[in-house]
Amino acid sequence: MKRLIKIQFTTTLVAALSMGGLAKGQISEVSGEEDGGQSRGVAQALPDAPSDAAPLPPAAAAFVYYFEIQEALAQDSLTNVAVNAVALAEALRKDSTGGFPAQLADQARALARDAVTLTGARLDFSIVTGQLMNYLKARNPPVGLGPIHLVHDPITRLYWLQRGDLVQNPYLGKSGVPWKPLIPPALPQPPLKISGF
């Protein structure tokens, strides 16, 4: 069993996600809809509680649980983070496509275990984020999720995925830059795919 060595939070997170990509403050968006079209009402109908994502296909459910965790951490809250992390791990184990790395389910369980402090939850969340970003580099997002934004925080130099048009920073929470609408970068960014990173 791994032992987590406490190192300065920011340094550890940067090391966990030292990935190239967007410039400071830029975003990229991918659509979770087939043929790039937006279906009406899908994004608004996404479930809020862990049990509501169970009827979704495993890949879509995994992202729903991830977004629930991201939104809670952005509010400096651990409410349902462990529950959603366990549900994320279970959804990943049920996915028969083999698209997710095998260690991602274990990392989701580690997130559930470490969700007793914001620092521990945020550290594991950054690792889960990196693995989900790799998933989206190799394939399209699951259908029915609506637009997924890739957001970069210039302070922590970390990335996260989110839905919605307001910046919701899971690493800095309420102490970070006030929530603001996502502003598309000056230059159009390619979708989050292998060539877009």
Protein backbone atom coordinates (compact mmCIF):
# COMPACT_ATOMS: atom_id res chain seq x y z
CA MET A 1 0.00 0.00 0.00
CA LYS A 2 1.33 3.41 -0.93
CA ARG A 3 2.16 5.92 1.73
CA LEU A 4 1.40 9.51 0.94
CA ILE A 5 4.29 11.73 1.86
CA LYS A 6 3.23 15.24 2.76
CA ILE A 7 4.96 17.71 0.50
CA GLN A 8 3.97 21.27 -0.18
CA PHE A 9 0.52 21.09 -1.79
CA THR A 10 1.21 23.19 -4.86
CA THR A 11 4.50 21.49 -5.66
CA THR A 12 2.91 18.05 -5.51
CA LEU A 13 -0.02 19.07 -7.66
CA VAL A 14 2.20 20.66 -10.27
CA ALA A 15 4.29 17.50 -10.43
CA ALA A 16 1.17 15.36 -10.77
CA LEU A 17 -0.14 17.38 -13.68
CA SER A 18 2.89 18.83 -15.41
CA MET A 19 1.28 18.63 -18.81
CA GLY A 20 1.71 21.01 -21.72
CA GLY A 21 -1.28 22.58 -23.31
CA LEU A 22 -3.19 25.76 -22.93
CA ALA A 23 -1.60 29.06 -22.13
CA LYS A 24 -2.43 30.80 -18.88
CA GLY A 25 -6.12 31.38 -18.37
CA GLN A 26 -7.19 29.77 -21.64
CA ILE A 27 -9.93 27.23 -22.00
CA SER A 28 -10.79 24.57 -24.50
CA GLU A 29 -14.18 23.08 -25.04
CA VAL A 30 -15.33 19.73 -26.33
CA SER A 31 -18.85 18.64 -26.92
CA GLY A 32 -20.33 15.51 -25.44
CA GLU A 33 -22.82 15.35 -28.28
CA GLU A 34 -22.60 13.28 -31.41
CA ASP A 35 -21.71 15.08 -34.65
CA GLY A 36 -20.77 18.17 -32.66
CA GLY A 37 -24.44 19.16 -32.39
CA GLN A 38 -25.97 20.32 -29.18
CA SER A 39 -29.04 18.40 -28.10
CA ARG A 40 -31.62 20.42 -26.25
CA GLY A 41 -32.07 19.92 -22.54
CA VAL A 42 -29.42 17.27 -22.04
CA ALA A 43 -27.03 19.33 -19.95
CA GLN A 44 -29.86 20.61 -17.77
CA ALA A 45 -31.08 17.08 -17.10
CA LEU A 46 -27.79 15.81 -15.66
CA PRO A 47 -28.23 14.24 -12.26
CA ASP A 48 -27.08 15.93 -9.06
CA ALA A 49 -27.05 13.01 -6.64
CA PRO A 50 -24.69 10.03 -6.91
CA SER A 51 -27.53 7.54 -7.29
CA ASP A 52 -28.98 9.46 -10.26
CA ALA A 53 -26.01 8.70 -12.54
CA ALA A 54 -26.37 4.93 -12.12
CA PRO A 55 -28.63 4.49 -15.19
CA LEU A 56 -26.10 6.26 -17.43
CA PRO A 57 -23.46 4.31 -19.36
CA PRO A 58 -20.36 3.83 -17.18
CA ALA A 59 -18.21 6.37 -19.06
CA ALA A 60 -20.87 9.10 -18.83
CA ALA A 61 -21.54 8.26 -15.18
CA ALA A 62 -17.82 8.56 -14.42
CA PHE A 63 -17.76 12.11 -15.75
CA VAL A 64 -20.94 13.04 -13.86
CA TYR A 65 -19.34 11.88 -10.59
CA TYR A 66 -16.13 13.73 -11.46
CA PHE A 67 -18.07 16.97 -12.07
CA GLU A 68 -19.89 16.57 -8.75
CA ILE A 69 -16.52 16.31 -6.99
CA GLN A 70 -15.12 19.28 -8.91
CA GLU A 71 -18.11 21.46 -7.99
CA ALA A 72 -17.90 20.53 -4.30
CA LEU A 73 -14.17 21.28 -4.10
CA ALA A 74 -14.76 24.62 -5.84
CA GLN A 75 -17.07 25.45 -2.92
CA ASP A 76 -14.41 24.38 -0.38
CA SER A 77 -16.72 21.54 0.58
CA LEU A 78 -16.15 17.85 1.15
CA THR A 79 -19.89 17.12 1.10
CA ASN A 80 -20.44 13.95 -0.93
CA VAL A 81 -16.87 14.01 -2.29
CA ALA A 82 -16.09 10.56 -0.84
CA VAL A 83 -19.48 9.17 -1.95
CA ASN A 84 -19.00 10.49 -5.48
CA ALA A 85 -15.40 9.22 -5.59
CA VAL A 86 -16.53 5.70 -4.64
CA ALA A 87 -19.30 5.91 -7.26
CA LEU A 88 -16.70 7.10 -9.80
CA ALA A 89 -14.50 4.10 -9.00
CA GLU A 90 -17.45 1.72 -9.39
CA ALA A 91 -18.47 3.29 -12.72
CA LEU A 92 -14.90 2.91 -13.97
CA ARG A 93 -14.83 -0.75 -12.96
CA LYS A 94 -18.10 -1.35 -14.84
CA ASP A 95 -16.77 0.22 -18.05
CA SER A 96 -16.17 -2.65 -20.44
CA THR A 97 -14.68 -0.55 -23.24
CA GLY A 98 -11.22 -0.49 -21.67
CA GLY A 99 -10.90 3.21 -22.42
CA PHE A 100 -9.97 4.23 -18.90
CA PRO A 101 -6.60 3.37 -17.37
CA ALA A 102 -6.83 0.52 -14.86
CA GLN A 103 -5.25 2.62 -12.12
CA LEU A 104 -7.92 5.34 -12.44
CA ALA A 105 -10.43 3.34 -10.39
CA ASP A 106 -7.81 2.86 -7.68
CA GLN A 107 -7.03 6.57 -7.73
CA ALA A 108 -10.74 7.37 -7.38
CA ARG A 109 -10.82 5.11 -4.31
CA ALA A 110 -7.77 6.96 -2.96
CA LEU A 111 -9.68 10.21 -3.49
CA ALA A 112 -12.55 8.79 -1.43
CA ARG A 113 -10.12 7.73 1.29
CA ASP A 114 -8.31 11.08 1.37
CA ALA A 115 -11.47 13.19 1.24
CA VAL A 116 -11.21 13.92 4.96
CA THR A 117 -9.25 17.11 4.21
CA LEU A 118 -9.52 19.55 1.32
CA THR A 119 -5.78 19.26 0.71
CA GLY A 120 -5.92 15.47 0.44
CA ALA A 121 -9.00 15.54 -1.77
CA ARG A 122 -7.50 18.19 -4.05
CA LEU A 123 -4.26 16.28 -4.45
CA ASP A 124 -6.04 13.09 -5.53
CA PHE A 125 -8.50 15.10 -7.64
CA SER A 126 -5.58 16.53 -9.64
CA ILE A 127 -4.35 13.03 -10.47
CA VAL A 128 -7.84 11.86 -11.47
CA THR A 129 -8.13 14.98 -13.64
CA GLY A 130 -4.90 14.18 -15.47
CA GLN A 131 -6.10 10.67 -16.25
CA LEU A 132 -9.49 11.89 -17.49
CA MET A 133 -7.73 14.47 -19.67
CA ASN A 134 -5.69 11.63 -21.20
CA TYR A 135 -8.94 9.73 -21.81
CA LEU A 136 -10.35 12.74 -23.70
CA LYS A 137 -7.17 13.10 -25.76
CA ALA A 138 -7.69 9.61 -27.15
CA ARG A 139 -11.47 9.60 -27.68
CA ASN A 140 -14.57 11.72 -27.81
CA PRO A 141 -16.38 12.50 -24.57
CA PRO A 142 -19.39 10.35 -23.70
CA VAL A 143 -22.60 11.40 -25.43
CA GLY A 144 -25.09 13.42 -23.42
CA LEU A 145 -22.77 15.44 -21.21
CA GLY A 146 -22.94 18.70 -23.12
CA PRO A 147 -19.87 20.92 -23.48
CA ILE A 148 -16.88 20.07 -21.31
CA HIS A 149 -14.42 22.86 -20.61
CA LEU A 150 -10.74 22.34 -19.99
CA VAL A 151 -9.66 25.14 -17.67
CA HIS A 152 -6.14 26.15 -16.63
CA ASP A 153 -5.41 27.98 -13.38
CA PRO A 154 -2.37 30.25 -13.79
CA ILE A 155 -1.80 30.40 -10.02
CA THR A 156 -1.46 26.66 -9.35
CA ARG A 157 -0.61 25.87 -12.98
CA LEU A 158 -3.13 23.04 -12.86
CA TYR A 159 -5.91 21.94 -15.18
CA TRP A 160 -9.38 20.65 -14.53
CA LEU A 161 -12.45 19.70 -16.52
CA GLN A 162 -15.78 21.31 -15.85
CA ARG A 163 -19.19 21.85 -17.29
CA GLY A 164 -20.97 25.18 -17.09
CA ASP A 165 -19.89 28.68 -18.03
CA LEU A 166 -18.58 29.93 -14.67
CA VAL A 167 -15.02 29.23 -13.61
CA GLN A 168 -15.23 26.87 -10.63
CA ASN A 169 -11.68 26.29 -9.42
CA PRO A 170 -11.45 23.05 -7.42
CA TYR A 171 -7.86 23.75 -6.32
CA LEU A 172 -8.32 27.22 -4.84
CA GLY A 173 -12.02 27.07 -4.05
CA LYS A 174 -13.57 30.26 -2.74
CA SER A 175 -10.17 31.72 -1.85
CA GLY A 176 -9.16 31.89 -5.50
CA VAL A 177 -10.18 34.35 -8.17
CA PRO A 178 -13.89 35.12 -7.91
CA TRP A 179 -16.03 33.02 -10.15
CA LYS A 180 -16.39 34.57 -13.54
CA PRO A 181 -17.79 33.55 -16.89
CA LEU A 182 -15.45 31.54 -19.08
CA ILE A 183 -14.16 33.78 -21.82
CA PRO A 184 -13.06 32.09 -24.99
CA PRO A 185 -9.38 32.71 -25.75
CA ALA A 186 -8.45 35.31 -28.37
CA LEU A 187 -7.39 32.57 -30.76
CA PRO A 188 -9.79 29.69 -31.32
CA GLN A 189 -8.66 26.54 -29.53
CA PRO A 190 -9.04 23.11 -31.08
CA PRO A 191 -11.25 20.58 -29.31
CA LEU A 192 -9.68 18.55 -26.52
CA LYS A 193 -8.31 15.73 -28.63
CA ILE A 194 -4.88 14.33 -29.30
CA SER A 195 -4.06 17.13 -31.71
CA GLY A 196 -5.54 19.79 -29.40
CA PHE A 197 -3.03 19.33 -26.65
